[in-house]
Amino acid sequence: MFPEFMNELFEEVEGKKNKQDVSIFTLSSCMWCKKCKAYLKEKNVKYKYIDVDNITVDQKSKILEYLRENYKPDRIAYPFLVCDDKFVVGYDPNKYEELIKSEEK
């Protein structure tokens, strides 16, 4: 789904709900990003993440370019959650719930 250079950067977090491909782009010091990770862990969702403040400037710019080209968001903000082919910008547990639930049906 993502380019190879991004797949090498992802850290995986195990969870029993693993039918979906859930990825988040976060900042290591961001309160909302930490809440997003805690939400997914609490819901037992398997996910992977990249803390974009812990990678090189070049890697970060490639990721931002990829997100803009492939998802066409109004803005880039963190956390940026991608669930299969849908995305949510910012911390929004109601939207996370919709995405995760909709795939269970």
PDB file of N, CA and C in Angstrom:
ATOM      1  N   MET A   1       0.826  -1.197   0.000  1.00  0.00           N
ATOM      2  CA  MET A   1       0.000   0.000   0.000  1.00  0.00           C
ATOM      3  C   MET A   1       0.869   1.258   0.000  1.00  0.00           C
ATOM      4  N   PHE A   2       1.836   1.321   0.906  1.00  0.00           N
ATOM      5  CA  PHE A   2       2.741   2.468   0.958  1.00  0.00           C
ATOM      6  C   PHE A   2       4.031   2.139   0.215  1.00  0.00           C
ATOM      7  N   PRO A   3       4.769   3.166  -0.206  1.00  0.00           N
ATOM      8  CA  PRO A   3       6.055   2.912  -0.858  1.00  0.00           C
ATOM      9  C   PRO A   3       7.027   2.199   0.101  1.00  0.00           C
ATOM     10  N   GLU A   4       7.976   1.495  -0.461  1.00  0.00           N
ATOM     11  CA  GLU A   4       8.907   0.689   0.338  1.00  0.00           C
ATOM     12  C   GLU A   4       9.659   1.506   1.379  1.00  0.00           C
ATOM     13  N   PHE A   5      10.093   2.720   1.021  1.00  0.00           N
ATOM     14  CA  PHE A   5      10.862   3.513   1.988  1.00  0.00           C
ATOM     15  C   PHE A   5      10.034   3.830   3.235  1.00  0.00           C
ATOM     16  N   MET A   6       8.717   3.955   3.071  1.00  0.00           N
ATOM     17  CA  MET A   6       7.846   4.220   4.225  1.00  0.00           C
ATOM     18  C   MET A   6       7.654   2.946   5.047  1.00  0.00           C
ATOM     19  N   ASN A   7       7.466   1.825   4.374  1.00  0.00           N
ATOM     20  CA  ASN A   7       7.276   0.561   5.092  1.00  0.00           C
ATOM     21  C   ASN A   7       8.445   0.259   6.012  1.00  0.00           C
ATOM     22  N   GLU A   8       9.650   0.669   5.608  1.00  0.00           N
ATOM     23  CA  GLU A   8      10.829   0.443   6.440  1.00  0.00           C
ATOM     24  C   GLU A   8      10.835   1.310   7.693  1.00  0.00           C
ATOM     25  N   LEU A   9      10.107   2.422   7.685  1.00  0.00           N
ATOM     26  CA  LEU A   9      10.087   3.352   8.816  1.00  0.00           C
ATOM     27  C   LEU A   9       9.013   3.018   9.855  1.00  0.00           C
ATOM     28  N   PHE A  10       7.994   2.286   9.448  1.00  0.00           N
ATOM     29  CA  PHE A  10       6.873   2.006  10.351  1.00  0.00           C
ATOM     30  C   PHE A  10       7.280   1.140  11.542  1.00  0.00           C
ATOM     31  N   GLU A  11       6.720   1.462  12.707  1.00  0.00           N
ATOM     32  CA  GLU A  11       6.804   0.626  13.907  1.00  0.00           C
ATOM     33  C   GLU A  11       5.443  -0.050  14.024  1.00  0.00           C
ATOM     34  N   GLU A  12       5.408  -1.355  14.289  1.00  0.00           N
ATOM     35  CA  GLU A  12       4.134  -2.072  14.383  1.00  0.00           C
ATOM     36  C   GLU A  12       3.703  -2.257  15.828  1.00  0.00           C
ATOM     37  N   VAL A  13       2.393  -2.173  16.056  1.00  0.00           N
ATOM     38  CA  VAL A  13       1.798  -2.436  17.359  1.00  0.00           C
ATOM     39  C   VAL A  13       0.757  -3.523  17.154  1.00  0.00           C
ATOM     40  N   GLU A  14       0.915  -4.623  17.869  1.00  0.00           N
ATOM     41  CA  GLU A  14       0.017  -5.765  17.708  1.00  0.00           C
ATOM     42  C   GLU A  14      -1.368  -5.485  18.287  1.00  0.00           C
ATOM     43  N   GLY A  15      -2.371  -6.148  17.716  1.00  0.00           N
ATOM     44  CA  GLY A  15      -3.741  -6.063  18.200  1.00  0.00           C
ATOM     45  C   GLY A  15      -4.549  -7.191  17.592  1.00  0.00           C
ATOM     46  N   LYS A  16      -5.626  -7.576  18.248  1.00  0.00           N
ATOM     47  CA  LYS A  16      -6.456  -8.677  17.750  1.00  0.00           C
ATOM     48  C   LYS A  16      -7.270  -8.276  16.524  1.00  0.00           C
ATOM     49  N   LYS A  17      -7.644  -6.983  16.432  1.00  0.00           N
ATOM     50  CA  LYS A  17      -8.368  -6.520  15.247  1.00  0.00           C
ATOM     51  C   LYS A  17      -7.323  -6.210  14.186  1.00  0.00           C
ATOM     52  N   ASN A  18      -7.147  -7.140  13.240  1.00  0.00           N
ATOM     53  CA  ASN A  18      -6.073  -6.980  12.268  1.00  0.00           C
ATOM     54  C   ASN A  18      -6.533  -7.180  10.828  1.00  0.00           C
ATOM     55  N   LYS A  19      -7.832  -7.082  10.585  1.00  0.00           N
ATOM     56  CA  LYS A  19      -8.352  -7.272   9.232  1.00  0.00           C
ATOM     57  C   LYS A  19      -8.124  -6.036   8.359  1.00  0.00           C
ATOM     58  N   GLN A  20      -7.835  -4.914   8.985  1.00  0.00           N
ATOM     59  CA  GLN A  20      -7.635  -3.672   8.252  1.00  0.00           C
ATOM     60  C   GLN A  20      -6.182  -3.241   8.320  1.00  0.00           C
ATOM     61  N   ASP A  21      -5.798  -2.421   7.365  1.00  0.00           N
ATOM     62  CA  ASP A  21      -4.469  -1.835   7.379  1.00  0.00           C
ATOM     63  C   ASP A  21      -4.595  -0.441   7.985  1.00  0.00           C
ATOM     64  N   VAL A  22      -4.230  -0.311   9.261  1.00  0.00           N
ATOM     65  CA  VAL A  22      -4.338   0.966   9.970  1.00  0.00           C
ATOM     66  C   VAL A  22      -2.925   1.512  10.188  1.00  0.00           C
ATOM     67  N   SER A  23      -2.697   2.717   9.687  1.00  0.00           N
ATOM     68  CA  SER A  23      -1.395   3.373   9.810  1.00  0.00           C
ATOM     69  C   SER A  23      -1.614   4.793  10.303  1.00  0.00           C
ATOM     70  N   ILE A  24      -0.716   5.250  11.161  1.00  0.00           N
ATOM     71  CA  ILE A  24      -0.812   6.642  11.602  1.00  0.00           C
ATOM     72  C   ILE A  24       0.543   7.329  11.482  1.00  0.00           C
ATOM     73  N   PHE A  25       0.465   8.578  11.131  1.00  0.00           N
ATOM     74  CA  PHE A  25       1.629   9.450  11.059  1.00  0.00           C
ATOM     75  C   PHE A  25       1.481  10.406  12.234  1.00  0.00           C
ATOM     76  N   THR A  26       2.479  10.410  13.106  1.00  0.00           N
ATOM     77  CA  THR A  26       2.359  11.115  14.375  1.00  0.00           C
ATOM     78  C   THR A  26       3.617  11.918  14.686  1.00  0.00           C
ATOM     79  N   LEU A  27       3.508  12.708  15.751  1.00  0.00           N
ATOM     80  CA  LEU A  27       4.657  13.390  16.345  1.00  0.00           C
ATOM     81  C   LEU A  27       4.851  12.771  17.722  1.00  0.00           C
ATOM     82  N   SER A  28       6.073  12.460  18.084  1.00  0.00           N
ATOM     83  CA  SER A  28       6.330  11.751  19.345  1.00  0.00           C
ATOM     84  C   SER A  28       5.899  12.540  20.578  1.00  0.00           C
ATOM     85  N   SER A  29       5.898  13.866  20.497  1.00  0.00           N
ATOM     86  CA  SER A  29       5.566  14.680  21.662  1.00  0.00           C
ATOM     87  C   SER A  29       4.137  15.228  21.636  1.00  0.00           C
ATOM     88  N   CYS A  30       3.353  14.861  20.638  1.00  0.00           N
ATOM     89  CA  CYS A  30       1.996  15.404  20.460  1.00  0.00           C
ATOM     90  C   CYS A  30       0.983  14.677  21.353  1.00  0.00           C
ATOM     91  N   MET A  31       0.290  15.443  22.176  1.00  0.00           N
ATOM     92  CA  MET A  31      -0.721  14.883  23.079  1.00  0.00           C
ATOM     93  C   MET A  31      -1.818  14.149  22.297  1.00  0.00           C
ATOM     94  N   TRP A  32      -2.265  14.728  21.177  1.00  0.00           N
ATOM     95  CA  TRP A  32      -3.349  14.130  20.394  1.00  0.00           C
ATOM     96  C   TRP A  32      -2.887  12.851  19.714  1.00  0.00           C
ATOM     97  N   CYS A  33      -1.624  12.811  19.315  1.00  0.00           N
ATOM     98  CA  CYS A  33      -1.065  11.593  18.704  1.00  0.00           C
ATOM     99  C   CYS A  33      -0.995  10.478  19.741  1.00  0.00           C
ATOM    100  N   LYS A  34      -0.609  10.830  20.965  1.00  0.00           N
ATOM    101  CA  LYS A  34      -0.560   9.837  22.044  1.00  0.00           C
ATOM    102  C   LYS A  34      -1.958   9.309  22.345  1.00  0.00           C
ATOM    103  N   LYS A  35      -2.957  10.211  22.296  1.00  0.00           N
ATOM    104  CA  LYS A  35      -4.345   9.779  22.523  1.00  0.00           C
ATOM    105  C   LYS A  35      -4.808   8.846  21.415  1.00  0.00           C
ATOM    106  N   CYS A  36      -4.410   9.121  20.188  1.00  0.00           N
ATOM    107  CA  CYS A  36      -4.773   8.272  19.054  1.00  0.00           C
ATOM    108  C   CYS A  36      -4.191   6.868  19.245  1.00  0.00           C
ATOM    109  N   LYS A  37      -2.910   6.798  19.594  1.00  0.00           N
ATOM    110  CA  LYS A  37      -2.263   5.503  19.830  1.00  0.00           C
ATOM    111  C   LYS A  37      -2.949   4.761  20.980  1.00  0.00           C
ATOM    112  N   ALA A  38      -3.273   5.496  22.049  1.00  0.00           N
ATOM    113  CA  ALA A  38      -3.936   4.878  23.206  1.00  0.00           C
ATOM    114  C   ALA A  38      -5.329   4.367  22.818  1.00  0.00           C
ATOM    115  N   TYR A  39      -6.041   5.133  21.998  1.00  0.00           N
ATOM    116  CA  TYR A  39      -7.373   4.721  21.529  1.00  0.00           C
ATOM    117  C   TYR A  39      -7.276   3.399  20.756  1.00  0.00           C
ATOM    118  N   LEU A  40      -6.349   3.320  19.810  1.00  0.00           N
ATOM    119  CA  LEU A  40      -6.198   2.108  19.002  1.00  0.00           C
ATOM    120  C   LEU A  40      -5.794   0.918  19.864  1.00  0.00           C
ATOM    121  N   LYS A  41      -4.916   1.149  20.822  1.00  0.00           N
ATOM    122  CA  LYS A  41      -4.473   0.079  21.717  1.00  0.00           C
ATOM    123  C   LYS A  41      -5.638  -0.402  22.582  1.00  0.00           C
ATOM    124  N   GLU A  42      -6.423   0.556  23.094  1.00  0.00           N
ATOM    125  CA  GLU A  42      -7.586   0.226  23.925  1.00  0.00           C
ATOM    126  C   GLU A  42      -8.613  -0.590  23.143  1.00  0.00           C
ATOM    127  N   LYS A  43      -8.765  -0.279  21.849  1.00  0.00           N
ATOM    128  CA  LYS A  43      -9.717  -0.994  20.987  1.00  0.00           C
ATOM    129  C   LYS A  43      -9.105  -2.282  20.418  1.00  0.00           C
ATOM    130  N   ASN A  44      -7.853  -2.557  20.803  1.00  0.00           N
ATOM    131  CA  ASN A  44      -7.148  -3.773  20.391  1.00  0.00           C
ATOM    132  C   ASN A  44      -6.967  -3.858  18.868  1.00  0.00           C
ATOM    133  N   VAL A  45      -6.698  -2.694  18.257  1.00  0.00           N
ATOM    134  CA  VAL A  45      -6.501  -2.608  16.809  1.00  0.00           C
ATOM    135  C   VAL A  45      -5.011  -2.722  16.501  1.00  0.00           C
ATOM    136  N   LYS A  46      -4.660  -3.599  15.586  1.00  0.00           N
ATOM    137  CA  LYS A  46      -3.280  -3.689  15.111  1.00  0.00           C
ATOM    138  C   LYS A  46      -3.034  -2.465  14.226  1.00  0.00           C
ATOM    139  N   TYR A  47      -1.929  -1.776  14.460  1.00  0.00           N
ATOM    140  CA  TYR A  47      -1.617  -0.607  13.643  1.00  0.00           C
ATOM    141  C   TYR A  47      -0.114  -0.432  13.533  1.00  0.00           C
ATOM    142  N   LYS A  48       0.265   0.445  12.625  1.00  0.00           N
ATOM    143  CA  LYS A  48       1.675   0.817  12.508  1.00  0.00           C
ATOM    144  C   LYS A  48       1.740   2.339  12.475  1.00  0.00           C
ATOM    145  N   TYR A  49       2.877   2.858  12.901  1.00  0.00           N
ATOM    146  CA  TYR A  49       3.002   4.314  12.965  1.00  0.00           C
ATOM    147  C   TYR A  49       4.410   4.757  12.617  1.00  0.00           C
ATOM    148  N   ILE A  50       4.497   6.027  12.222  1.00  0.00           N
ATOM    149  CA  ILE A  50       5.776   6.698  12.026  1.00  0.00           C
ATOM    150  C   ILE A  50       5.697   8.010  12.800  1.00  0.00           C
ATOM    151  N   ASP A  51       6.624   8.215  13.730  1.00  0.00           N
ATOM    152  CA  ASP A  51       6.765   9.515  14.389  1.00  0.00           C
ATOM    153  C   ASP A  51       7.596  10.373  13.443  1.00  0.00           C
ATOM    154  N   VAL A  52       6.939  11.276  12.721  1.00  0.00           N
ATOM    155  CA  VAL A  52       7.634  12.017  11.666  1.00  0.00           C
ATOM    156  C   VAL A  52       8.661  13.014  12.199  1.00  0.00           C
ATOM    157  N   ASP A  53       8.620  13.293  13.502  1.00  0.00           N
ATOM    158  CA  ASP A  53       9.643  14.181  14.060  1.00  0.00           C
ATOM    159  C   ASP A  53      10.929  13.407  14.391  1.00  0.00           C
ATOM    160  N   ASN A  54      10.912  12.088  14.238  1.00  0.00           N
ATOM    161  CA  ASN A  54      12.093  11.261  14.525  1.00  0.00           C
ATOM    162  C   ASN A  54      12.755  10.693  13.271  1.00  0.00           C
ATOM    163  N   ILE A  55      12.424  11.265  12.108  1.00  0.00           N
ATOM    164  CA  ILE A  55      13.023  10.800  10.853  1.00  0.00           C
ATOM    165  C   ILE A  55      13.719  11.989  10.187  1.00  0.00           C
ATOM    166  N   THR A  56      14.421  11.720   9.114  1.00  0.00           N
ATOM    167  CA  THR A  56      15.148  12.811   8.449  1.00  0.00           C
ATOM    168  C   THR A  56      14.174  13.767   7.749  1.00  0.00           C
ATOM    169  N   VAL A  57      14.659  14.973   7.508  1.00  0.00           N
ATOM    170  CA  VAL A  57      13.852  15.974   6.809  1.00  0.00           C
ATOM    171  C   VAL A  57      13.466  15.467   5.423  1.00  0.00           C
ATOM    172  N   ASP A  58      14.378  14.785   4.758  1.00  0.00           N
ATOM    173  CA  ASP A  58      14.115  14.243   3.437  1.00  0.00           C
ATOM    174  C   ASP A  58      13.001  13.195   3.486  1.00  0.00           C
ATOM    175  N   GLN A  59      13.075  12.287   4.465  1.00  0.00           N
ATOM    176  CA  GLN A  59      12.028  11.267   4.613  1.00  0.00           C
ATOM    177  C   GLN A  59      10.681  11.917   4.907  1.00  0.00           C
ATOM    178  N   LYS A  60      10.692  12.911   5.781  1.00  0.00           N
ATOM    179  CA  LYS A  60       9.455  13.605   6.144  1.00  0.00           C
ATOM    180  C   LYS A  60       8.840  14.278   4.917  1.00  0.00           C
ATOM    181  N   SER A  61       9.657  14.952   4.118  1.00  0.00           N
ATOM    182  CA  SER A  61       9.095  15.640   2.946  1.00  0.00           C
ATOM    183  C   SER A  61       8.532  14.641   1.936  1.00  0.00           C
ATOM    184  N   LYS A  62       9.173  13.474   1.793  1.00  0.00           N
ATOM    185  CA  LYS A  62       8.640  12.441   0.893  1.00  0.00           C
ATOM    186  C   LYS A  62       7.305  11.907   1.402  1.00  0.00           C
ATOM    187  N   ILE A  63       7.195  11.730   2.708  1.00  0.00           N
ATOM    188  CA  ILE A  63       5.933  11.254   3.298  1.00  0.00           C
ATOM    189  C   ILE A  63       4.829  12.283   3.089  1.00  0.00           C
ATOM    190  N   LEU A  64       5.124  13.553   3.367  1.00  0.00           N
ATOM    191  CA  LEU A  64       4.110  14.607   3.188  1.00  0.00           C
ATOM    192  C   LEU A  64       3.662  14.689   1.733  1.00  0.00           C
ATOM    193  N   GLU A  65       4.601  14.582   0.825  1.00  0.00           N
ATOM    194  CA  GLU A  65       4.270  14.605  -0.605  1.00  0.00           C
ATOM    195  C   GLU A  65       3.364  13.421  -0.957  1.00  0.00           C
ATOM    196  N   TYR A  66       3.700  12.246  -0.437  1.00  0.00           N
ATOM    197  CA  TYR A  66       2.891  11.047  -0.694  1.00  0.00           C
ATOM    198  C   TYR A  66       1.460  11.229  -0.149  1.00  0.00           C
ATOM    199  N   LEU A  67       1.338  11.722   1.076  1.00  0.00           N
ATOM    200  CA  LEU A  67       0.010  11.911   1.683  1.00  0.00           C
ATOM    201  C   LEU A  67      -0.817  12.910   0.892  1.00  0.00           C
ATOM    202  N   ARG A  68      -0.199  14.016   0.487  1.00  0.00           N
ATOM    203  CA  ARG A  68      -0.929  15.033  -0.292  1.00  0.00           C
ATOM    204  C   ARG A  68      -1.392  14.487  -1.640  1.00  0.00           C
ATOM    205  N   GLU A  69      -0.522  13.753  -2.324  1.00  0.00           N
ATOM    206  CA  GLU A  69      -0.858  13.242  -3.653  1.00  0.00           C
ATOM    207  C   GLU A  69      -1.894  12.126  -3.615  1.00  0.00           C
ATOM    208  N   ASN A  70      -1.822  11.263  -2.612  1.00  0.00           N
ATOM    209  CA  ASN A  70      -2.676  10.081  -2.593  1.00  0.00           C
ATOM    210  C   ASN A  70      -3.997  10.256  -1.857  1.00  0.00           C
ATOM    211  N   TYR A  71      -4.056  11.182  -0.905  1.00  0.00           N
ATOM    212  CA  TYR A  71      -5.293  11.349  -0.122  1.00  0.00           C
ATOM    213  C   TYR A  71      -5.958  12.709  -0.326  1.00  0.00           C
ATOM    214  N   LYS A  72      -5.248  13.649  -0.869  1.00  0.00           N
ATOM    215  CA  LYS A  72      -5.789  14.987  -1.156  1.00  0.00           C
ATOM    216  C   LYS A  72      -6.474  15.627   0.067  1.00  0.00           C
ATOM    217  N   PRO A  73      -5.800  15.652   1.225  1.00  0.00           N
ATOM    218  CA  PRO A  73      -6.424  16.270   2.397  1.00  0.00           C
ATOM    219  C   PRO A  73      -6.454  17.795   2.269  1.00  0.00           C
ATOM    220  N   ASP A  74      -7.378  18.427   2.990  1.00  0.00           N
ATOM    221  CA  ASP A  74      -7.426  19.891   3.025  1.00  0.00           C
ATOM    222  C   ASP A  74      -6.159  20.431   3.676  1.00  0.00           C
ATOM    223  N   ARG A  75      -5.645  19.662   4.640  1.00  0.00           N
ATOM    224  CA  ARG A  75      -4.447  20.070   5.375  1.00  0.00           C
ATOM    225  C   ARG A  75      -3.770  18.809   5.911  1.00  0.00           C
ATOM    226  N   ILE A  76      -2.524  18.959   6.271  1.00  0.00           N
ATOM    227  CA  ILE A  76      -1.815  17.872   6.943  1.00  0.00           C
ATOM    228  C   ILE A  76      -1.688  18.281   8.405  1.00  0.00           C
ATOM    229  N   ALA A  77      -2.179  17.442   9.282  1.00  0.00           N
ATOM    230  CA  ALA A  77      -2.060  17.667  10.724  1.00  0.00           C
ATOM    231  C   ALA A  77      -1.893  16.303  11.369  1.00  0.00           C
ATOM    232  N   TYR A  78      -1.442  16.298  12.582  1.00  0.00           N
ATOM    233  CA  TYR A  78      -1.170  15.036  13.277  1.00  0.00           C
ATOM    234  C   TYR A  78      -2.094  14.871  14.471  1.00  0.00           C
ATOM    235  N   PRO A  79      -2.531  13.637  14.704  1.00  0.00           N
ATOM    236  CA  PRO A  79      -2.234  12.429  13.944  1.00  0.00           C
ATOM    237  C   PRO A  79      -2.952  12.415  12.592  1.00  0.00           C
ATOM    238  N   PHE A  80      -2.343  11.736  11.638  1.00  0.00           N
ATOM    239  CA  PHE A  80      -2.928  11.520  10.313  1.00  0.00           C
ATOM    240  C   PHE A  80      -3.113  10.019  10.207  1.00  0.00           C
ATOM    241  N   LEU A  81      -4.358   9.558  10.363  1.00  0.00           N
ATOM    242  CA  LEU A  81      -4.662   8.132  10.389  1.00  0.00           C
ATOM    243  C   LEU A  81      -5.166   7.677   9.031  1.00  0.00           C
ATOM    244  N   VAL A  82      -4.605   6.574   8.535  1.00  0.00           N
ATOM    245  CA  VAL A  82      -5.048   5.974   7.277  1.00  0.00           C
ATOM    246  C   VAL A  82      -5.552   4.577   7.598  1.00  0.00           C
ATOM    247  N   CYS A  83      -6.817   4.327   7.232  1.00  0.00           N
ATOM    248  CA  CYS A  83      -7.418   3.010   7.441  1.00  0.00           C
ATOM    249  C   CYS A  83      -7.824   2.493   6.069  1.00  0.00           C
ATOM    250  N   ASP A  84      -7.074   1.508   5.583  1.00  0.00           N
ATOM    251  CA  ASP A  84      -7.242   1.012   4.221  1.00  0.00           C
ATOM    252  C   ASP A  84      -7.106   2.184   3.246  1.00  0.00           C
ATOM    253  N   ASP A  85      -8.166   2.598   2.563  1.00  0.00           N
ATOM    254  CA  ASP A  85      -8.032   3.704   1.607  1.00  0.00           C
ATOM    255  C   ASP A  85      -8.683   4.998   2.097  1.00  0.00           C
ATOM    256  N   LYS A  86      -9.123   5.037   3.351  1.00  0.00           N
ATOM    257  CA  LYS A  86      -9.755   6.238   3.920  1.00  0.00           C
ATOM    258  C   LYS A  86      -8.809   6.856   4.945  1.00  0.00           C
ATOM    259  N   PHE A  87      -9.008   8.145   5.236  1.00  0.00           N
ATOM    260  CA  PHE A  87      -8.110   8.800   6.184  1.00  0.00           C
ATOM    261  C   PHE A  87      -8.853   9.770   7.089  1.00  0.00           C
ATOM    262  N   VAL A  88      -8.242  10.076   8.226  1.00  0.00           N
ATOM    263  CA  VAL A  88      -8.766  11.059   9.179  1.00  0.00           C
ATOM    264  C   VAL A  88      -7.590  11.957   9.565  1.00  0.00           C
ATOM    265  N   VAL A  89      -7.798  13.264   9.470  1.00  0.00           N
ATOM    266  CA  VAL A  89      -6.773  14.219   9.867  1.00  0.00           C
ATOM    267  C   VAL A  89      -7.117  14.724  11.265  1.00  0.00           C
ATOM    268  N   GLY A  90      -6.166  14.611  12.193  1.00  0.00           N
ATOM    269  CA  GLY A  90      -6.396  15.059  13.567  1.00  0.00           C
ATOM    270  C   GLY A  90      -7.013  13.961  14.416  1.00  0.00           C
ATOM    271  N   TYR A  91      -7.097  14.229  15.706  1.00  0.00           N
ATOM    272  CA  TYR A  91      -7.646  13.240  16.640  1.00  0.00           C
ATOM    273  C   TYR A  91      -9.164  13.311  16.621  1.00  0.00           C
ATOM    274  N   ASP A  92      -9.810  12.246  16.180  1.00  0.00           N
ATOM    275  CA  ASP A  92     -11.267  12.204  16.089  1.00  0.00           C
ATOM    276  C   ASP A  92     -11.753  10.771  16.309  1.00  0.00           C
ATOM    277  N   PRO A  93     -11.920  10.369  17.593  1.00  0.00           N
ATOM    278  CA  PRO A  93     -12.302   8.985  17.878  1.00  0.00           C
ATOM    279  C   PRO A  93     -13.621   8.562  17.239  1.00  0.00           C
ATOM    280  N   ASN A  94     -14.549   9.491  17.039  1.00  0.00           N
ATOM    281  CA  ASN A  94     -15.815   9.132  16.389  1.00  0.00           C
ATOM    282  C   ASN A  94     -15.576   8.679  14.945  1.00  0.00           C
ATOM    283  N   LYS A  95     -14.710   9.380  14.231  1.00  0.00           N
ATOM    284  CA  LYS A  95     -14.394   8.983  12.854  1.00  0.00           C
ATOM    285  C   LYS A  95     -13.594   7.686  12.843  1.00  0.00           C
ATOM    286  N   TYR A  96     -12.697   7.511  13.811  1.00  0.00           N
ATOM    287  CA  TYR A  96     -11.943   6.253  13.894  1.00  0.00           C
ATOM    288  C   TYR A  96     -12.913   5.095  14.062  1.00  0.00           C
ATOM    289  N   GLU A  97     -13.869   5.285  14.960  1.00  0.00           N
ATOM    290  CA  GLU A  97     -14.863   4.241  15.239  1.00  0.00           C
ATOM    291  C   GLU A  97     -15.622   3.868  13.968  1.00  0.00           C
ATOM    292  N   GLU A  98     -16.046   4.887  13.202  1.00  0.00           N
ATOM    293  CA  GLU A  98     -16.771   4.641  11.949  1.00  0.00           C
ATOM    294  C   GLU A  98     -15.919   3.822  10.975  1.00  0.00           C
ATOM    295  N   LEU A  99     -14.658   4.213  10.801  1.00  0.00           N
ATOM    296  CA  LEU A  99     -13.784   3.505   9.860  1.00  0.00           C
ATOM    297  C   LEU A  99     -13.544   2.067  10.296  1.00  0.00           C
ATOM    298  N   ILE A 100     -13.267   1.893  11.579  1.00  0.00           N
ATOM    299  CA  ILE A 100     -12.948   0.559  12.073  1.00  0.00           C
ATOM    300  C   ILE A 100     -14.192  -0.325  12.073  1.00  0.00           C
ATOM    301  N   LYS A 101     -15.335   0.238  12.459  1.00  0.00           N
ATOM    302  CA  LYS A 101     -16.589  -0.511  12.461  1.00  0.00           C
ATOM    303  C   LYS A 101     -17.016  -0.872  11.049  1.00  0.00           C
ATOM    304  N   SER A 102     -16.937   0.101  10.137  1.00  0.00           N
ATOM    305  CA  SER A 102     -17.448  -0.132   8.794  1.00  0.00           C
ATOM    306  C   SER A 102     -16.763  -1.311   8.117  1.00  0.00           C
ATOM    307  N   GLU A 103     -15.539  -1.602   8.501  1.00  0.00           N
ATOM    308  CA  GLU A 103     -14.821  -2.714   7.900  1.00  0.00           C
ATOM    309  C   GLU A 103     -15.185  -4.050   8.539  1.00  0.00           C
ATOM    310  N   GLU A 104     -15.808  -4.018   9.707  1.00  0.00           N
ATOM    311  CA  GLU A 104     -16.156  -5.260  10.398  1.00  0.00           C
ATOM    312  C   GLU A 104     -17.432  -5.895   9.851  1.00  0.00           C
ATOM    313  N   LYS A 105     -18.242  -5.115   9.152  1.00  0.00           N
ATOM    314  CA  LYS A 105     -19.539  -5.607   8.677  1.00  0.00           C
ATOM    315  C   LYS A 105     -19.384  -6.639   7.586  1.00  0.00           C
TER     316      LYS A 105
END
